[in-house]
C-alpha atoms as a PDB file:
ATOM      1  CA  MET A   1     122.427 101.381  16.529  1.00  0.00           C
ATOM      2  CA  LEU A   2     118.817 101.897  16.925  1.00  0.00           C
ATOM      3  CA  LEU A   3     116.782  99.175  18.309  1.00  0.00           C
ATOM      4  CA  PRO A   4     113.061  99.193  18.216  1.00  0.00           C
ATOM      5  CA  PHE A   5     111.617  98.559  21.716  1.00  0.00           C
ATOM      6  CA  SER A   6     107.953  98.062  20.837  1.00  0.00           C
ATOM      7  CA  PRO A   7     106.478  95.299  22.784  1.00  0.00           C
ATOM      8  CA  SER A   8     105.138  93.439  19.622  1.00  0.00           C
ATOM      9  CA  ASP A   9     108.287  93.872  17.699  1.00  0.00           C
ATOM     10  CA  PRO A  10     110.169  90.576  16.916  1.00  0.00           C
ATOM     11  CA  THR A  11     113.544  92.125  17.893  1.00  0.00           C
ATOM     12  CA  THR A  12     112.011  93.072  21.390  1.00  0.00           C
ATOM     13  CA  GLN A  13     110.735  89.458  21.798  1.00  0.00           C
ATOM     14  CA  ALA A  14     114.169  88.019  21.139  1.00  0.00           C
ATOM     15  CA  LEU A  15     115.604  90.624  23.664  1.00  0.00           C
ATOM     16  CA  LYS A  16     113.215  89.708  26.173  1.00  0.00           C
ATOM     17  CA  ALA A  17     113.953  86.099  25.776  1.00  0.00           C
ATOM     18  CA  ASP A  18     117.614  86.751  26.551  1.00  0.00           C
ATOM     19  CA  PRO A  19     118.254  89.644  29.112  1.00  0.00           C
ATOM     20  CA  SER A  20     122.024  89.892  28.084  1.00  0.00           C
ATOM     21  CA  ARG A  21     120.910  90.893  24.703  1.00  0.00           C
ATOM     22  CA  TRP A  22     118.660  93.598  26.344  1.00  0.00           C
ATOM     23  CA  ARG A  23     121.569  94.895  28.224  1.00  0.00           C
ATOM     24  CA  ASP A  24     123.766  94.885  25.336  1.00  0.00           C
ATOM     25  CA  ALA A  25     121.144  96.711  22.987  1.00  0.00           C
ATOM     26  CA  ALA A  26     120.848  99.285  25.939  1.00  0.00           C
ATOM     27  CA  ARG A  27     124.597  99.712  26.011  1.00  0.00           C
ATOM     28  CA  ALA A  28     124.836 100.097  22.338  1.00  0.00           C
ATOM     29  CA  LEU A  29     122.404 102.982  22.406  1.00  0.00           C
ATOM     30  CA  LEU A  30     124.193 104.595  25.364  1.00  0.00           C
ATOM     31  CA  ARG A  31     127.732 104.411  23.015  1.00  0.00           C
ATOM     32  CA  ASP A  32     125.718 106.196  20.382  1.00  0.00           C
ATOM     33  CA  GLY A  33     124.680 108.770  22.966  1.00  0.00           C
ATOM     34  CA  ILE A  34     121.136 107.827  23.007  1.00  0.00           C
ATOM     35  CA  ASP A  35     119.473 107.379  26.479  1.00  0.00           C
ATOM     36  CA  PRO A  36     117.830 103.859  26.379  1.00  0.00           C
ATOM     37  CA  MET A  37     114.691 104.792  28.572  1.00  0.00           C
ATOM     38  CA  GLN A  38     114.008 107.974  26.500  1.00  0.00           C
ATOM     39  CA  HIS A  39     114.426 105.955  23.322  1.00  0.00           C
ATOM     40  CA  ARG A  40     111.938 103.247  24.644  1.00  0.00           C
ATOM     41  CA  ARG A  41     109.542 106.058  25.569  1.00  0.00           C
ATOM     42  CA  ASP A  42     109.765 107.826  22.070  1.00  0.00           C
ATOM     43  CA  SER A  43     109.338 104.307  20.392  1.00  0.00           C
ATOM     44  CA  ARG A  44     106.140 103.847  22.308  1.00  0.00           C
ATOM     45  CA  ILE A  45     104.876 107.247  21.356  1.00  0.00           C
ATOM     46  CA  ASP A  46     105.568 106.575  17.856  1.00  0.00           C
ATOM     47  CA  ALA A  47     103.682 103.329  17.839  1.00  0.00           C
ATOM     48  CA  GLU A  48     100.816 104.969  19.330  1.00  0.00           C
ATOM     49  CA  ARG A  49     100.852 107.752  16.599  1.00  0.00           C
ATOM     50  CA  ARG A  50     101.025 105.140  13.933  1.00  0.00           C
ATOM     51  CA  ALA A  51      98.119 103.305  15.409  1.00  0.00           C
ATOM     52  CA  ALA A  52      96.102 106.491  15.747  1.00  0.00           C
ATOM     53  CA  ASN A  53      96.764 107.414  11.924  1.00  0.00           C
ATOM     54  CA  THR A  54      95.154 104.135  10.526  1.00  0.00           C
ATOM     55  CA  PHE A  55      92.393 104.598   7.997  1.00  0.00           C
ATOM     56  CA  ALA A  56      89.923 103.287  10.518  1.00  0.00           C
ATOM     57  CA  ALA A  57      90.960 105.508  13.252  1.00  0.00           C
ATOM     58  CA  VAL A  58      90.726 108.624  10.805  1.00  0.00           C
ATOM     59  CA  ALA A  59      87.376 107.417   9.322  1.00  0.00           C
ATOM     60  CA  GLU A  60      85.743 107.073  12.837  1.00  0.00           C
ATOM     61  CA  GLU A  61      86.994 110.659  13.709  1.00  0.00           C
ATOM     62  CA  TRP A  62      85.565 111.808  10.460  1.00  0.00           C
ATOM     63  CA  ILE A  63      82.175 110.002  11.359  1.00  0.00           C
ATOM     64  CA  ALA A  64      82.190 111.411  14.784  1.00  0.00           C
ATOM     65  CA  LYS A  65      82.883 115.103  13.366  1.00  0.00           C
ATOM     66  CA  ASN A  66      80.137 114.719  10.996  1.00  0.00           C
ATOM     67  CA  ALA A  67      77.652 112.860  12.797  1.00  0.00           C
ATOM     68  CA  GLY A  68      75.927 116.034  14.319  1.00  0.00           C
ATOM     69  CA  ALA A  69      74.952 117.094  10.728  1.00  0.00           C
ATOM     70  CA  TRP A  70      73.624 113.687   9.778  1.00  0.00           C
ATOM     71  CA  SER A  71      70.751 111.472  10.911  1.00  0.00           C
ATOM     72  CA  THR A  72      71.325 108.765  13.200  1.00  0.00           C
ATOM     73  CA  VAL A  73      70.563 106.294  10.379  1.00  0.00           C
ATOM     74  CA  HIS A  74      72.821 107.951   7.853  1.00  0.00           C
ATOM     75  CA  ALA A  75      75.714 107.855  10.417  1.00  0.00           C
ATOM     76  CA  GLU A  76      75.128 104.221  11.186  1.00  0.00           C
ATOM     77  CA  ARG A  77      74.979 103.342   7.433  1.00  0.00           C
ATOM     78  CA  VAL A  78      78.237 105.057   6.693  1.00  0.00           C
ATOM     79  CA  ARG A  79      79.839 103.384   9.549  1.00  0.00           C
ATOM     80  CA  LYS A  80      78.656  99.915   8.290  1.00  0.00           C
ATOM     81  CA  PHE A  81      79.653 100.560   4.790  1.00  0.00           C
ATOM     82  CA  LEU A  82      83.085 101.671   6.010  1.00  0.00           C
ATOM     83  CA  ARG A  83      83.390  98.529   8.490  1.00  0.00           C
ATOM     84  CA  VAL A  84      82.203  96.093   5.860  1.00  0.00           C
ATOM     85  CA  GLU A  85      83.877  97.322   2.638  1.00  0.00           C
ATOM     86  CA  LEU A  86      86.632  99.457   3.419  1.00  0.00           C
ATOM     87  CA  TYR A  87      88.436  98.494   6.852  1.00  0.00           C
ATOM     88  CA  PRO A  88      90.898  95.936   6.928  1.00  0.00           C
ATOM     89  CA  LYS A  89      89.927  92.477   7.790  1.00  0.00           C
END
């Protein structure tokens, strides 16, 4: 039984509201041979990776990489275009 331990996850919110459910989830992980603390750390790392791999993050990294070859005006124009037209709102 793998339970997500991301702070924004609804399951985590429910577990925090009822500590006995949190304990039961941790015990279930232990029964499956999974260290609950390591599982929690891995879940956080995965969440950070997913956040870092969003379109906006990758686009900003691309802009930063190419900004040296572009004029300041062009870099800002590209950034504004992406922000207005392509980034999620």
